[in-house]
Amino acid sequence: MTKKSDQEIIKIFIGYDSREPIAYHVCLQSLMETSSLPLSITPLKINNLKRIFDRPKEPNQLTEFSYTRFLVPYLCQFNGWAIFIDGDMLIREDIANLWMLKDELYSVMVVQHPTFHGTHTFLNTTVTCFPKFNWSSVMLFNNRLCTKLTPEYLNTVDYHELHSFQWLPEVEIGPLPSKWNYLVGYSKPTSDVSLVHWTLGGPYLGGNYEHIEYATEWFAVRDKVLFAEKS
């Protein structure tokens, strides 16, 4: 297992969806508020990637970064490690503690949620759940072992093949503690939550979502994003 270095910079890539920009900015703020190490943060915004990825949006694509999240190893030139997280998240614990879990035995490390059944709806798009559903929403990439994830591959690969991790042997998928991808509406309630994921829709959508689990914390961080000291 890789040890924490005082000189390390954590590379983090965050999925950005133009339908909910405030979610991204609050997620980013929560990272900055809690991290004890310097961060190198890259938003995966589709128009910033059009020179290397030009796949049209598909009906079963829940977010604008459904495919581009898997560009992380390529964007890191297949060197070192990097973290990917969805933009609709709130980080409640030092991300350096997740970074310290890097294990060279694995190509990618994820929270291995149990198989969900039925359908999943997000912003008017509905998909049928499949094995490893939601595993790809938080990924700790060992970039040198993910050389299959090229733009050429991602421009043609089947959605389910990609998100069910059929592109690598099962033994190369490492586990992360469940607290690092707590799925509101899916995960069993617990007090040990390091990363909140509103995969069904979060406080930023208004209405009944404003009272969803962990909404109060989200609004507190949002207020920091919107704050400007006046002279």
C-alpha atoms as a PDB file:
ATOM      1  CA  MET A   1       0.000   0.000   0.000  1.00  0.00           C
ATOM      2  CA  THR A   2       1.362   3.408  -0.970  1.00  0.00           C
ATOM      3  CA  LYS A   3       2.224   5.668   1.945  1.00  0.00           C
ATOM      4  CA  LYS A   4       1.325   9.307   2.276  1.00  0.00           C
ATOM      5  CA  SER A   5       4.054  11.771   1.312  1.00  0.00           C
ATOM      6  CA  ASP A   6       4.260  15.312   2.645  1.00  0.00           C
ATOM      7  CA  GLN A   7       5.248  16.401  -0.884  1.00  0.00           C
ATOM      8  CA  GLU A   8       2.418  14.654  -2.714  1.00  0.00           C
ATOM      9  CA  ILE A   9      -0.145  16.505  -4.758  1.00  0.00           C
ATOM     10  CA  ILE A  10      -3.436  14.640  -5.100  1.00  0.00           C
ATOM     11  CA  LYS A  11      -4.728  14.521  -8.668  1.00  0.00           C
ATOM     12  CA  ILE A  12      -8.517  14.719  -8.698  1.00  0.00           C
ATOM     13  CA  PHE A  13     -10.846  14.718 -11.702  1.00  0.00           C
ATOM     14  CA  ILE A  14     -14.460  15.769 -11.129  1.00  0.00           C
ATOM     15  CA  GLY A  15     -17.343  15.008 -13.466  1.00  0.00           C
ATOM     16  CA  TYR A  16     -19.025  18.205 -14.662  1.00  0.00           C
ATOM     17  CA  ASP A  17     -22.579  18.261 -16.006  1.00  0.00           C
ATOM     18  CA  SER A  18     -23.866  21.524 -17.487  1.00  0.00           C
ATOM     19  CA  ARG A  19     -27.337  20.824 -16.037  1.00  0.00           C
ATOM     20  CA  GLU A  20     -26.055  21.224 -12.454  1.00  0.00           C
ATOM     21  CA  PRO A  21     -22.934  23.457 -12.310  1.00  0.00           C
ATOM     22  CA  ILE A  22     -23.540  24.441  -8.675  1.00  0.00           C
ATOM     23  CA  ALA A  23     -23.169  20.785  -7.676  1.00  0.00           C
ATOM     24  CA  TYR A  24     -19.647  20.752  -9.131  1.00  0.00           C
ATOM     25  CA  HIS A  25     -18.597  23.953  -7.376  1.00  0.00           C
ATOM     26  CA  VAL A  26     -19.882  22.819  -3.990  1.00  0.00           C
ATOM     27  CA  CYS A  27     -18.125  19.474  -4.429  1.00  0.00           C
ATOM     28  CA  LEU A  28     -14.906  21.335  -5.219  1.00  0.00           C
ATOM     29  CA  GLN A  29     -15.321  23.603  -2.191  1.00  0.00           C
ATOM     30  CA  SER A  30     -15.841  20.617   0.098  1.00  0.00           C
ATOM     31  CA  LEU A  31     -12.563  19.129  -1.154  1.00  0.00           C
ATOM     32  CA  MET A  32     -10.663  22.344  -0.489  1.00  0.00           C
ATOM     33  CA  GLU A  33     -12.230  22.725   2.948  1.00  0.00           C
ATOM     34  CA  THR A  34     -11.183  19.262   4.145  1.00  0.00           C
ATOM     35  CA  SER A  35      -7.933  18.318   2.393  1.00  0.00           C
ATOM     36  CA  SER A  36      -4.637  18.358   4.285  1.00  0.00           C
ATOM     37  CA  LEU A  37      -2.624  17.962   1.063  1.00  0.00           C
ATOM     38  CA  PRO A  38      -2.434  20.196  -2.021  1.00  0.00           C
ATOM     39  CA  LEU A  39      -4.870  19.296  -4.779  1.00  0.00           C
ATOM     40  CA  SER A  40      -4.603  19.320  -8.556  1.00  0.00           C
ATOM     41  CA  ILE A  41      -8.230  19.430  -9.698  1.00  0.00           C
ATOM     42  CA  THR A  42      -9.499  19.003 -13.257  1.00  0.00           C
ATOM     43  CA  PRO A  43     -13.173  19.368 -14.219  1.00  0.00           C
ATOM     44  CA  LEU A  44     -14.215  16.842 -16.856  1.00  0.00           C
ATOM     45  CA  LYS A  45     -16.288  19.282 -18.911  1.00  0.00           C
ATOM     46  CA  ILE A  46     -17.238  17.811 -22.263  1.00  0.00           C
ATOM     47  CA  ASN A  47     -16.403  20.844 -24.423  1.00  0.00           C
ATOM     48  CA  ASN A  48     -12.868  20.941 -22.950  1.00  0.00           C
ATOM     49  CA  LEU A  49     -12.320  17.395 -24.207  1.00  0.00           C
ATOM     50  CA  LYS A  50     -13.808  17.572 -27.710  1.00  0.00           C
ATOM     51  CA  ARG A  51     -10.405  17.404 -29.408  1.00  0.00           C
ATOM     52  CA  ILE A  52      -9.816  13.905 -28.028  1.00  0.00           C
ATOM     53  CA  PHE A  53     -13.358  12.615 -27.420  1.00  0.00           C
ATOM     54  CA  ASP A  54     -16.213  13.207 -29.860  1.00  0.00           C
ATOM     55  CA  ARG A  55     -18.756  10.490 -29.087  1.00  0.00           C
ATOM     56  CA  PRO A  56     -22.371  11.710 -29.427  1.00  0.00           C
ATOM     57  CA  LYS A  57     -24.526  11.607 -26.290  1.00  0.00           C
ATOM     58  CA  GLU A  58     -26.579   8.411 -26.065  1.00  0.00           C
ATOM     59  CA  PRO A  59     -30.098   7.783 -24.654  1.00  0.00           C
ATOM     60  CA  ASN A  60     -28.778   5.601 -21.789  1.00  0.00           C
ATOM     61  CA  GLN A  61     -26.110   8.121 -20.799  1.00  0.00           C
ATOM     62  CA  LEU A  62     -27.003   9.481 -17.359  1.00  0.00           C
ATOM     63  CA  THR A  63     -24.420  12.284 -17.274  1.00  0.00           C
ATOM     64  CA  GLU A  64     -22.276  14.253 -19.697  1.00  0.00           C
ATOM     65  CA  PHE A  65     -19.223  12.556 -18.179  1.00  0.00           C
ATOM     66  CA  SER A  66     -20.482   8.968 -18.374  1.00  0.00           C
ATOM     67  CA  TYR A  67     -17.632   8.118 -20.758  1.00  0.00           C
ATOM     68  CA  THR A  68     -15.088  10.859 -20.141  1.00  0.00           C
ATOM     69  CA  ARG A  69     -14.544   9.764 -16.522  1.00  0.00           C
ATOM     70  CA  PHE A  70     -12.574   6.862 -17.964  1.00  0.00           C
ATOM     71  CA  LEU A  71     -10.196   9.264 -19.732  1.00  0.00           C
ATOM     72  CA  VAL A  72      -8.455   9.990 -16.430  1.00  0.00           C
ATOM     73  CA  PRO A  73      -5.518   7.560 -16.943  1.00  0.00           C
ATOM     74  CA  TYR A  74      -4.994   8.891 -20.480  1.00  0.00           C
ATOM     75  CA  LEU A  75      -5.073  12.501 -19.260  1.00  0.00           C
ATOM     76  CA  CYS A  76      -2.420  11.529 -16.699  1.00  0.00           C
ATOM     77  CA  GLN A  77      -0.310  10.015 -19.516  1.00  0.00           C
ATOM     78  CA  PHE A  78      -0.770   6.636 -17.807  1.00  0.00           C
ATOM     79  CA  ASN A  79       1.493   7.716 -14.952  1.00  0.00           C
ATOM     80  CA  GLY A  80       0.939   7.755 -11.198  1.00  0.00           C
ATOM     81  CA  TRP A  81      -2.420   7.637  -9.466  1.00  0.00           C
ATOM     82  CA  ALA A  82      -5.537   9.783  -9.717  1.00  0.00           C
ATOM     83  CA  ILE A  83      -9.000  10.018  -8.196  1.00  0.00           C
ATOM     84  CA  PHE A  84     -12.216  10.424 -10.137  1.00  0.00           C
ATOM     85  CA  ILE A  85     -15.440  11.511  -8.431  1.00  0.00           C
ATOM     86  CA  ASP A  86     -18.868  12.508  -9.715  1.00  0.00           C
ATOM     87  CA  GLY A  87     -19.758  16.175  -9.372  1.00  0.00           C
ATOM     88  CA  ASP A  88     -22.889  15.546  -7.272  1.00  0.00           C
ATOM     89  CA  MET A  89     -20.936  14.724  -4.134  1.00  0.00           C
ATOM     90  CA  LEU A  90     -19.924  16.264  -0.818  1.00  0.00           C
ATOM     91  CA  ILE A  91     -16.604  15.349   0.797  1.00  0.00           C
ATOM     92  CA  ARG A  92     -16.760  15.233   4.595  1.00  0.00           C
ATOM     93  CA  GLU A  93     -13.326  13.772   5.402  1.00  0.00           C
ATOM     94  CA  ASP A  94      -9.766  14.569   4.378  1.00  0.00           C
ATOM     95  CA  ILE A  95      -9.372  13.208   0.825  1.00  0.00           C
ATOM     96  CA  ALA A  96      -5.752  12.402   1.727  1.00  0.00           C
ATOM     97  CA  ASN A  97      -7.126   9.496   3.758  1.00  0.00           C
ATOM     98  CA  LEU A  98      -8.612   8.037   0.577  1.00  0.00           C
ATOM     99  CA  TRP A  99      -5.367   8.756  -1.304  1.00  0.00           C
ATOM    100  CA  MET A 100      -3.425   6.747   1.291  1.00  0.00           C
ATOM    101  CA  LEU A 101      -5.377   3.607   0.350  1.00  0.00           C
ATOM    102  CA  LYS A 102      -3.586   3.292  -3.028  1.00  0.00           C
ATOM    103  CA  ASP A 103      -2.505  -0.314  -3.534  1.00  0.00           C
ATOM    104  CA  GLU A 104      -0.204  -1.314  -6.397  1.00  0.00           C
ATOM    105  CA  LEU A 105      -1.904  -4.703  -6.605  1.00  0.00           C
ATOM    106  CA  TYR A 106      -4.881  -3.120  -8.334  1.00  0.00           C
ATOM    107  CA  SER A 107      -5.608  -1.256 -11.564  1.00  0.00           C
ATOM    108  CA  VAL A 108      -8.589   0.570 -10.112  1.00  0.00           C
ATOM    109  CA  MET A 109     -10.098   0.743  -6.628  1.00  0.00           C
ATOM    110  CA  VAL A 110     -13.792   1.377  -5.943  1.00  0.00           C
ATOM    111  CA  VAL A 111     -16.496   0.997  -3.319  1.00  0.00           C
ATOM    112  CA  GLN A 112     -18.001  -2.343  -4.283  1.00  0.00           C
ATOM    113  CA  HIS A 113     -21.690  -1.735  -3.697  1.00  0.00           C
ATOM    114  CA  PRO A 114     -24.020  -4.741  -3.810  1.00  0.00           C
ATOM    115  CA  THR A 115     -25.945  -5.323  -7.007  1.00  0.00           C
ATOM    116  CA  PHE A 116     -28.983  -3.050  -7.273  1.00  0.00           C
ATOM    117  CA  HIS A 117     -32.102  -4.214  -9.067  1.00  0.00           C
ATOM    118  CA  GLY A 118     -34.764  -2.355 -11.024  1.00  0.00           C
ATOM    119  CA  THR A 119     -34.286   1.004 -12.699  1.00  0.00           C
ATOM    120  CA  HIS A 120     -32.412   4.195 -11.853  1.00  0.00           C
ATOM    121  CA  THR A 121     -33.628   7.641 -12.919  1.00  0.00           C
ATOM    122  CA  PHE A 122     -31.603  10.838 -12.978  1.00  0.00           C
ATOM    123  CA  LEU A 123     -32.720  14.118 -14.613  1.00  0.00           C
ATOM    124  CA  ASN A 124     -35.332  12.427 -16.811  1.00  0.00           C
ATOM    125  CA  THR A 125     -33.046   9.620 -17.990  1.00  0.00           C
ATOM    126  CA  THR A 126     -33.819   6.078 -16.826  1.00  0.00           C
ATOM    127  CA  VAL A 127     -31.512   3.065 -17.041  1.00  0.00           C
ATOM    128  CA  THR A 128     -31.804  -0.510 -15.817  1.00  0.00           C
ATOM    129  CA  CYS A 129     -29.351  -1.281 -13.022  1.00  0.00           C
ATOM    130  CA  PHE A 130     -26.620  -3.770 -13.864  1.00  0.00           C
ATOM    131  CA  PRO A 131     -23.764  -5.537 -11.993  1.00  0.00           C
ATOM    132  CA  LYS A 132     -21.284  -3.033 -10.510  1.00  0.00           C
ATOM    133  CA  PHE A 133     -23.766  -0.196 -11.017  1.00  0.00           C
ATOM    134  CA  ASN A 134     -22.448   2.989  -9.361  1.00  0.00           C
ATOM    135  CA  TRP A 135     -18.967   1.529  -8.774  1.00  0.00           C
ATOM    136  CA  SER A 136     -17.566   3.980 -11.331  1.00  0.00           C
ATOM    137  CA  SER A 137     -18.774   7.085  -9.476  1.00  0.00           C
ATOM    138  CA  VAL A 138     -15.650   7.055  -7.263  1.00  0.00           C
ATOM    139  CA  MET A 139     -12.513   5.530  -8.759  1.00  0.00           C
ATOM    140  CA  LEU A 140      -8.928   5.473  -7.536  1.00  0.00           C
ATOM    141  CA  PHE A 141      -6.966   4.834 -10.742  1.00  0.00           C
ATOM    142  CA  ASN A 142      -3.545   3.184 -10.912  1.00  0.00           C
ATOM    143  CA  ASN A 143      -2.957   4.868 -14.247  1.00  0.00           C
ATOM    144  CA  ARG A 144      -0.066   2.762 -15.543  1.00  0.00           C
ATOM    145  CA  LEU A 145      -2.256  -0.347 -15.416  1.00  0.00           C
ATOM    146  CA  CYS A 146      -5.169   1.233 -17.303  1.00  0.00           C
ATOM    147  CA  THR A 147      -3.604   1.624 -20.757  1.00  0.00           C
ATOM    148  CA  LYS A 148      -6.672   0.122 -22.433  1.00  0.00           C
ATOM    149  CA  LEU A 149      -8.601   3.308 -21.637  1.00  0.00           C
ATOM    150  CA  THR A 150      -7.617   5.285 -24.714  1.00  0.00           C
ATOM    151  CA  PRO A 151      -9.838   7.834 -26.493  1.00  0.00           C
ATOM    152  CA  GLU A 152     -10.176   5.379 -29.387  1.00  0.00           C
ATOM    153  CA  TYR A 153     -11.494   2.662 -27.087  1.00  0.00           C
ATOM    154  CA  LEU A 154     -13.865   5.005 -25.269  1.00  0.00           C
ATOM    155  CA  ASN A 155     -15.294   6.315 -28.527  1.00  0.00           C
ATOM    156  CA  THR A 156     -16.594   2.841 -29.423  1.00  0.00           C
ATOM    157  CA  VAL A 157     -16.944   0.708 -26.248  1.00  0.00           C
ATOM    158  CA  ASP A 158     -20.384  -0.401 -25.053  1.00  0.00           C
ATOM    159  CA  TYR A 159     -21.711   1.593 -22.083  1.00  0.00           C
ATOM    160  CA  HIS A 160     -22.394  -1.481 -19.921  1.00  0.00           C
ATOM    161  CA  GLU A 161     -19.062  -3.101 -20.749  1.00  0.00           C
ATOM    162  CA  LEU A 162     -17.307   0.048 -19.575  1.00  0.00           C
ATOM    163  CA  HIS A 163     -19.236   0.698 -16.366  1.00  0.00           C
ATOM    164  CA  SER A 164     -19.274  -2.956 -15.316  1.00  0.00           C
ATOM    165  CA  PHE A 165     -15.459  -2.994 -15.623  1.00  0.00           C
ATOM    166  CA  GLN A 166     -15.295  -5.723 -18.233  1.00  0.00           C
ATOM    167  CA  TRP A 167     -12.178  -4.010 -19.609  1.00  0.00           C
ATOM    168  CA  LEU A 168      -9.963  -5.550 -16.923  1.00  0.00           C
ATOM    169  CA  PRO A 169      -9.747  -8.830 -14.962  1.00  0.00           C
ATOM    170  CA  GLU A 170     -11.919  -9.002 -11.835  1.00  0.00           C
ATOM    171  CA  VAL A 171      -8.872  -9.529  -9.597  1.00  0.00           C
ATOM    172  CA  GLU A 172      -7.534  -6.118 -10.629  1.00  0.00           C
ATOM    173  CA  ILE A 173     -10.497  -4.280  -9.074  1.00  0.00           C
ATOM    174  CA  GLY A 174      -9.600  -3.348  -5.507  1.00  0.00           C
ATOM    175  CA  PRO A 175     -12.019  -2.513  -2.679  1.00  0.00           C
ATOM    176  CA  LEU A 176     -12.483   0.814  -0.928  1.00  0.00           C
ATOM    177  CA  PRO A 177     -14.339   1.325   2.383  1.00  0.00           C
ATOM    178  CA  SER A 178     -18.054   1.938   1.846  1.00  0.00           C
ATOM    179  CA  LYS A 179     -17.842   5.308   3.619  1.00  0.00           C
ATOM    180  CA  TRP A 180     -16.079   6.714   0.539  1.00  0.00           C
ATOM    181  CA  ASN A 181     -19.184   6.423  -1.652  1.00  0.00           C
ATOM    182  CA  TYR A 182     -22.327   6.675   0.451  1.00  0.00           C
ATOM    183  CA  LEU A 183     -25.300   6.529  -1.918  1.00  0.00           C
ATOM    184  CA  VAL A 184     -28.226   8.550  -0.591  1.00  0.00           C
ATOM    185  CA  GLY A 185     -31.357   6.518  -1.230  1.00  0.00           C
ATOM    186  CA  TYR A 186     -29.438   3.260  -1.653  1.00  0.00           C
ATOM    187  CA  SER A 187     -26.900   2.866   1.164  1.00  0.00           C
ATOM    188  CA  LYS A 188     -27.962   1.837   4.656  1.00  0.00           C
ATOM    189  CA  PRO A 189     -27.878   4.936   6.926  1.00  0.00           C
ATOM    190  CA  THR A 190     -24.738   5.154   9.058  1.00  0.00           C
ATOM    191  CA  SER A 191     -22.820   7.799  10.972  1.00  0.00           C
ATOM    192  CA  ASP A 192     -19.547   6.824   9.254  1.00  0.00           C
ATOM    193  CA  VAL A 193     -19.795   8.730   5.954  1.00  0.00           C
ATOM    194  CA  SER A 194     -16.772  10.367   4.327  1.00  0.00           C
ATOM    195  CA  LEU A 195     -18.268  11.103   0.921  1.00  0.00           C
ATOM    196  CA  VAL A 196     -21.954  11.719   0.232  1.00  0.00           C
ATOM    197  CA  HIS A 197     -23.277  10.908  -3.240  1.00  0.00           C
ATOM    198  CA  TRP A 198     -26.733  12.151  -4.253  1.00  0.00           C
ATOM    199  CA  THR A 199     -26.982   9.752  -7.170  1.00  0.00           C
ATOM    200  CA  LEU A 200     -30.789  10.144  -7.385  1.00  0.00           C
ATOM    201  CA  GLY A 201     -30.687  13.947  -7.216  1.00  0.00           C
ATOM    202  CA  GLY A 202     -29.438  16.337  -4.567  1.00  0.00           C
ATOM    203  CA  PRO A 203     -30.252  19.583  -2.723  1.00  0.00           C
ATOM    204  CA  TYR A 204     -29.239  21.685  -5.738  1.00  0.00           C
ATOM    205  CA  LEU A 205     -32.423  20.527  -7.553  1.00  0.00           C
ATOM    206  CA  GLY A 206     -34.712  22.323  -5.094  1.00  0.00           C
ATOM    207  CA  GLY A 207     -38.187  21.187  -4.073  1.00  0.00           C
ATOM    208  CA  ASN A 208     -38.285  18.075  -1.889  1.00  0.00           C
ATOM    209  CA  TYR A 209     -34.579  17.529  -2.542  1.00  0.00           C
ATOM    210  CA  GLU A 210     -33.833  20.463  -0.235  1.00  0.00           C
ATOM    211  CA  HIS A 211     -34.705  18.215   2.711  1.00  0.00           C
ATOM    212  CA  ILE A 212     -32.850  15.115   1.555  1.00  0.00           C
ATOM    213  CA  GLU A 213     -30.212  13.426   3.723  1.00  0.00           C
ATOM    214  CA  TYR A 214     -27.128  15.655   4.288  1.00  0.00           C
ATOM    215  CA  ALA A 215     -28.821  18.617   2.569  1.00  0.00           C
ATOM    216  CA  THR A 216     -28.068  20.930   5.505  1.00  0.00           C
ATOM    217  CA  GLU A 217     -24.337  20.299   5.110  1.00  0.00           C
ATOM    218  CA  TRP A 218     -24.537  20.867   1.368  1.00  0.00           C
ATOM    219  CA  PHE A 219     -26.222  24.258   1.832  1.00  0.00           C
ATOM    220  CA  ALA A 220     -23.586  25.274   4.388  1.00  0.00           C
ATOM    221  CA  VAL A 221     -20.811  24.582   1.869  1.00  0.00           C
ATOM    222  CA  ARG A 222     -22.796  26.281  -0.913  1.00  0.00           C
ATOM    223  CA  ASP A 223     -22.956  29.429   1.216  1.00  0.00           C
ATOM    224  CA  LYS A 224     -19.151  29.412   1.367  1.00  0.00           C
ATOM    225  CA  VAL A 225     -19.006  29.151  -2.435  1.00  0.00           C
ATOM    226  CA  LEU A 226     -21.294  32.192  -2.754  1.00  0.00           C
ATOM    227  CA  PHE A 227     -19.597  34.257  -0.031  1.00  0.00           C
ATOM    228  CA  ALA A 228     -17.710  37.426  -0.859  1.00  0.00           C
ATOM    229  CA  GLU A 229     -16.422  39.725   1.904  1.00  0.00           C
ATOM    230  CA  LYS A 230     -17.651  43.254   1.409  1.00  0.00           C
ATOM    231  CA  SER A 231     -15.476  46.287   2.109  1.00  0.00           C
END
